[in-house]
């Protein structure tokens, strides 16, 4: 059961991460085009349409990552004490 929950959380994490990256890239690209074409309305509209969904997607992948750390199967955790500097 723990492995199945972890698998689902990992899938949702990857989806939300990709969504966040795509929305962030689209926001940046739209604003860049708005600057190049000197269209301030494109800057404002791209922020109004894409900023909140990008922030929500980033919050979702952070939360999913946190939850997945609790359901990670044994033996795959990262132990800081074993890490060499």
N, C-alpha and C. Protein backbone atom coordinates (compact mmCIF):
# COMPACT_ATOMS: atom_id res chain seq x y z
N UNK A 1 0.83 -1.19 0.00
CA UNK A 1 0.00 0.00 0.00
C UNK A 1 0.88 1.26 0.00
N UNK A 2 1.93 1.22 0.81
CA UNK A 2 2.82 2.38 0.90
C UNK A 2 3.50 2.65 -0.45
N UNK A 3 3.89 1.59 -1.15
CA UNK A 3 4.54 1.76 -2.46
C UNK A 3 3.56 2.33 -3.48
N UNK A 4 2.31 1.91 -3.41
CA UNK A 4 1.31 2.39 -4.36
C UNK A 4 1.01 3.87 -4.13
N UNK A 5 0.89 4.27 -2.87
CA UNK A 5 0.66 5.69 -2.57
C UNK A 5 1.84 6.52 -3.04
N UNK A 6 3.06 6.02 -2.78
CA UNK A 6 4.26 6.73 -3.20
C UNK A 6 4.31 6.87 -4.72
N UNK A 7 3.93 5.82 -5.42
CA UNK A 7 3.92 5.86 -6.87
C UNK A 7 2.95 6.90 -7.41
N UNK A 8 1.77 6.97 -6.82
CA UNK A 8 0.78 7.96 -7.24
C UNK A 8 1.25 9.38 -6.91
N UNK A 9 1.82 9.56 -5.73
CA UNK A 9 2.33 10.88 -5.35
C UNK A 9 3.46 11.32 -6.27
N UNK A 10 4.32 10.38 -6.64
CA UNK A 10 5.43 10.71 -7.53
C UNK A 10 4.91 11.12 -8.90
N UNK A 11 3.90 10.42 -9.40
CA UNK A 11 3.30 10.78 -10.69
C UNK A 11 2.68 12.17 -10.64
N UNK A 12 1.93 12.45 -9.59
CA UNK A 12 1.33 13.78 -9.43
C UNK A 12 2.40 14.85 -9.28
N UNK A 13 3.49 14.52 -8.60
CA UNK A 13 4.60 15.46 -8.44
C UNK A 13 5.20 15.82 -9.80
N UNK A 14 5.45 14.83 -10.62
CA UNK A 14 6.05 15.08 -11.94
C UNK A 14 5.11 15.91 -12.80
N UNK A 15 3.83 15.60 -12.75
CA UNK A 15 2.85 16.36 -13.53
C UNK A 15 2.80 17.82 -13.07
N UNK A 16 2.75 18.03 -11.77
CA UNK A 16 2.68 19.41 -11.26
C UNK A 16 3.98 20.16 -11.51
N UNK A 17 5.11 19.48 -11.45
CA UNK A 17 6.39 20.12 -11.75
C UNK A 17 6.45 20.55 -13.21
N UNK A 18 6.04 19.67 -14.11
CA UNK A 18 6.03 20.01 -15.54
C UNK A 18 5.06 21.16 -15.81
N UNK A 19 3.91 21.14 -15.18
CA UNK A 19 2.93 22.21 -15.35
C UNK A 19 3.49 23.54 -14.86
N UNK A 20 4.17 23.52 -13.74
CA UNK A 20 4.77 24.74 -13.20
C UNK A 20 5.83 25.28 -14.15
N UNK A 21 6.67 24.41 -14.67
CA UNK A 21 7.73 24.84 -15.58
C UNK A 21 7.14 25.39 -16.89
N UNK A 22 6.11 24.75 -17.40
CA UNK A 22 5.49 25.21 -18.64
C UNK A 22 4.82 26.56 -18.43
N UNK A 23 4.09 26.72 -17.32
CA UNK A 23 3.42 27.99 -17.05
C UNK A 23 4.43 29.11 -16.82
N UNK A 24 5.51 28.81 -16.10
CA UNK A 24 6.54 29.81 -15.88
C UNK A 24 7.24 30.22 -17.17
N UNK A 25 7.52 29.25 -18.02
CA UNK A 25 8.15 29.55 -19.31
C UNK A 25 7.20 30.36 -20.19
N UNK A 26 5.93 30.00 -20.19
CA UNK A 26 4.95 30.75 -20.99
C UNK A 26 4.81 32.18 -20.50
N UNK A 27 4.81 32.37 -19.19
CA UNK A 27 4.74 33.72 -18.62
C UNK A 27 5.95 34.54 -19.02
N UNK A 28 7.13 33.96 -18.89
CA UNK A 28 8.36 34.67 -19.24
C UNK A 28 8.40 34.98 -20.73
N UNK A 29 8.03 34.02 -21.56
CA UNK A 29 8.05 34.22 -23.00
C UNK A 29 7.05 35.30 -23.43
N UNK A 30 5.86 35.28 -22.86
CA UNK A 30 4.85 36.29 -23.21
C UNK A 30 5.31 37.68 -22.80
N UNK A 31 5.93 37.78 -21.62
CA UNK A 31 6.42 39.09 -21.19
C UNK A 31 7.60 39.55 -22.04
N UNK A 32 8.45 38.61 -22.43
CA UNK A 32 9.58 38.96 -23.29
C UNK A 32 9.10 39.46 -24.65
N UNK A 33 8.10 38.79 -25.21
CA UNK A 33 7.54 39.22 -26.49
C UNK A 33 6.87 40.59 -26.33
N UNK A 34 6.20 40.79 -25.20
CA UNK A 34 5.57 42.09 -24.95
C UNK A 34 6.58 43.22 -24.87
N UNK A 35 7.75 42.95 -24.29
CA UNK A 35 8.80 43.97 -24.23
C UNK A 35 9.37 44.22 -25.62
N UNK A 36 9.64 43.14 -26.37
CA UNK A 36 10.22 43.31 -27.70
C UNK A 36 9.28 44.07 -28.64
N UNK A 37 8.00 43.76 -28.55
CA UNK A 37 7.03 44.41 -29.44
C UNK A 37 6.45 45.69 -28.85
N UNK A 38 6.92 46.07 -27.68
CA UNK A 38 6.47 47.28 -26.97
C UNK A 38 4.94 47.29 -26.82
N UNK A 39 4.45 46.18 -26.24
CA UNK A 39 3.02 46.02 -25.99
C UNK A 39 2.81 45.83 -24.49
N UNK A 40 2.63 46.92 -23.74
CA UNK A 40 2.47 46.79 -22.30
C UNK A 40 1.23 45.99 -21.89
N UNK A 41 0.20 45.98 -22.70
CA UNK A 41 -0.99 45.21 -22.37
C UNK A 41 -0.69 43.71 -22.37
N UNK A 42 0.27 43.26 -23.19
CA UNK A 42 0.66 41.85 -23.20
C UNK A 42 1.37 41.49 -21.89
N UNK A 43 2.17 42.41 -21.37
CA UNK A 43 2.84 42.19 -20.10
C UNK A 43 1.83 42.02 -18.97
N UNK A 44 0.87 42.92 -18.94
CA UNK A 44 -0.13 42.91 -17.87
C UNK A 44 -1.05 41.69 -17.99
N UNK A 45 -1.49 41.39 -19.19
CA UNK A 45 -2.41 40.27 -19.37
C UNK A 45 -1.73 38.93 -19.12
N UNK A 46 -0.48 38.79 -19.52
CA UNK A 46 0.21 37.52 -19.27
C UNK A 46 0.39 37.29 -17.78
N UNK A 47 0.68 38.36 -17.06
CA UNK A 47 0.80 38.21 -15.60
C UNK A 47 -0.54 37.88 -14.97
N UNK A 48 -1.58 38.55 -15.42
CA UNK A 48 -2.91 38.31 -14.86
C UNK A 48 -3.39 36.89 -15.13
N UNK A 49 -3.04 36.34 -16.29
CA UNK A 49 -3.52 35.02 -16.65
C UNK A 49 -2.63 33.88 -16.14
N UNK A 50 -1.33 34.08 -16.08
CA UNK A 50 -0.42 32.96 -15.83
C UNK A 50 0.27 32.95 -14.47
N UNK A 51 0.32 34.08 -13.78
CA UNK A 51 1.09 34.13 -12.53
C UNK A 51 0.47 33.26 -11.43
N UNK A 52 -0.80 33.42 -11.18
CA UNK A 52 -1.43 32.64 -10.10
C UNK A 52 -1.44 31.14 -10.38
N UNK A 53 -1.73 30.69 -11.62
CA UNK A 53 -1.64 29.25 -11.87
C UNK A 53 -0.21 28.71 -11.72
N UNK A 54 0.79 29.50 -12.11
CA UNK A 54 2.17 29.05 -11.95
C UNK A 54 2.54 28.92 -10.48
N UNK A 55 2.10 29.86 -9.67
CA UNK A 55 2.37 29.80 -8.23
C UNK A 55 1.64 28.62 -7.60
N UNK A 56 0.39 28.39 -8.02
CA UNK A 56 -0.37 27.26 -7.49
C UNK A 56 0.28 25.93 -7.86
N UNK A 57 0.77 25.81 -9.08
CA UNK A 57 1.44 24.58 -9.50
C UNK A 57 2.74 24.37 -8.73
N UNK A 58 3.47 25.44 -8.47
CA UNK A 58 4.70 25.30 -7.71
C UNK A 58 4.41 24.91 -6.26
N UNK A 59 3.36 25.46 -5.70
CA UNK A 59 2.97 25.07 -4.34
C UNK A 59 2.52 23.60 -4.31
N UNK A 60 1.83 23.17 -5.35
CA UNK A 60 1.37 21.78 -5.41
C UNK A 60 2.54 20.82 -5.50
N UNK A 61 3.55 21.10 -6.33
CA UNK A 61 4.65 20.15 -6.41
C UNK A 61 5.50 20.17 -5.16
N UNK A 62 5.58 21.29 -4.47
CA UNK A 62 6.28 21.31 -3.19
C UNK A 62 5.56 20.49 -2.14
N UNK A 63 4.24 20.62 -2.09
CA UNK A 63 3.44 19.86 -1.14
C UNK A 63 3.47 18.36 -1.46
N UNK A 64 3.38 18.03 -2.72
CA UNK A 64 3.43 16.62 -3.12
C UNK A 64 4.79 16.00 -2.82
N UNK A 65 5.84 16.77 -2.98
CA UNK A 65 7.18 16.28 -2.64
C UNK A 65 7.30 16.01 -1.15
N UNK A 66 6.76 16.91 -0.36
CA UNK A 66 6.78 16.75 1.09
C UNK A 66 5.99 15.51 1.51
N UNK A 67 4.81 15.33 0.93
CA UNK A 67 4.00 14.16 1.27
C UNK A 67 4.66 12.86 0.81
N UNK A 68 5.27 12.88 -0.36
CA UNK A 68 5.92 11.68 -0.88
C UNK A 68 7.10 11.26 -0.01
N UNK A 69 7.73 12.21 0.66
CA UNK A 69 8.86 11.86 1.53
C UNK A 69 8.41 10.98 2.70
N UNK A 70 7.16 11.10 3.10
CA UNK A 70 6.64 10.27 4.19
C UNK A 70 6.25 8.87 3.72
N UNK A 71 5.97 8.72 2.44
CA UNK A 71 5.56 7.43 1.91
C UNK A 71 6.66 6.74 1.10
N UNK A 72 7.85 7.31 1.12
CA UNK A 72 8.96 6.73 0.36
C UNK A 72 9.28 5.34 0.90
N UNK A 73 9.40 4.36 0.00
CA UNK A 73 9.71 3.00 0.46
C UNK A 73 11.04 2.95 1.22
N UNK A 74 11.15 2.02 2.15
CA UNK A 74 12.35 1.90 2.98
C UNK A 74 13.59 1.63 2.17
N UNK A 75 14.72 2.12 2.67
CA UNK A 75 16.00 1.90 2.02
C UNK A 75 16.32 2.87 0.91
N UNK A 76 15.41 3.78 0.60
CA UNK A 76 15.66 4.73 -0.48
C UNK A 76 15.79 6.15 0.04
N UNK A 77 15.78 6.33 1.33
CA UNK A 77 15.87 7.66 1.91
C UNK A 77 17.27 8.21 1.80
N UNK A 78 17.39 9.51 1.90
CA UNK A 78 18.68 10.17 1.84
C UNK A 78 19.13 10.44 3.27
N UNK A 79 20.24 9.87 3.66
CA UNK A 79 20.76 10.04 5.01
C UNK A 79 21.89 11.04 4.98
N UNK A 80 21.70 12.19 5.60
CA UNK A 80 22.72 13.23 5.58
C UNK A 80 23.98 12.83 6.34
N UNK A 81 23.85 11.95 7.31
CA UNK A 81 25.01 11.54 8.09
C UNK A 81 25.98 10.69 7.27
N UNK A 82 25.47 10.01 6.25
CA UNK A 82 26.33 9.16 5.41
C UNK A 82 27.00 9.94 4.29
N UNK A 83 26.55 11.16 4.07
CA UNK A 83 27.08 11.96 2.98
C UNK A 83 28.45 12.51 3.32
N UNK A 84 29.39 12.34 2.39
CA UNK A 84 30.73 12.89 2.60
C UNK A 84 30.78 14.31 2.08
N UNK A 85 31.56 15.11 2.75
CA UNK A 85 31.70 16.51 2.34
C UNK A 85 32.95 16.67 1.52
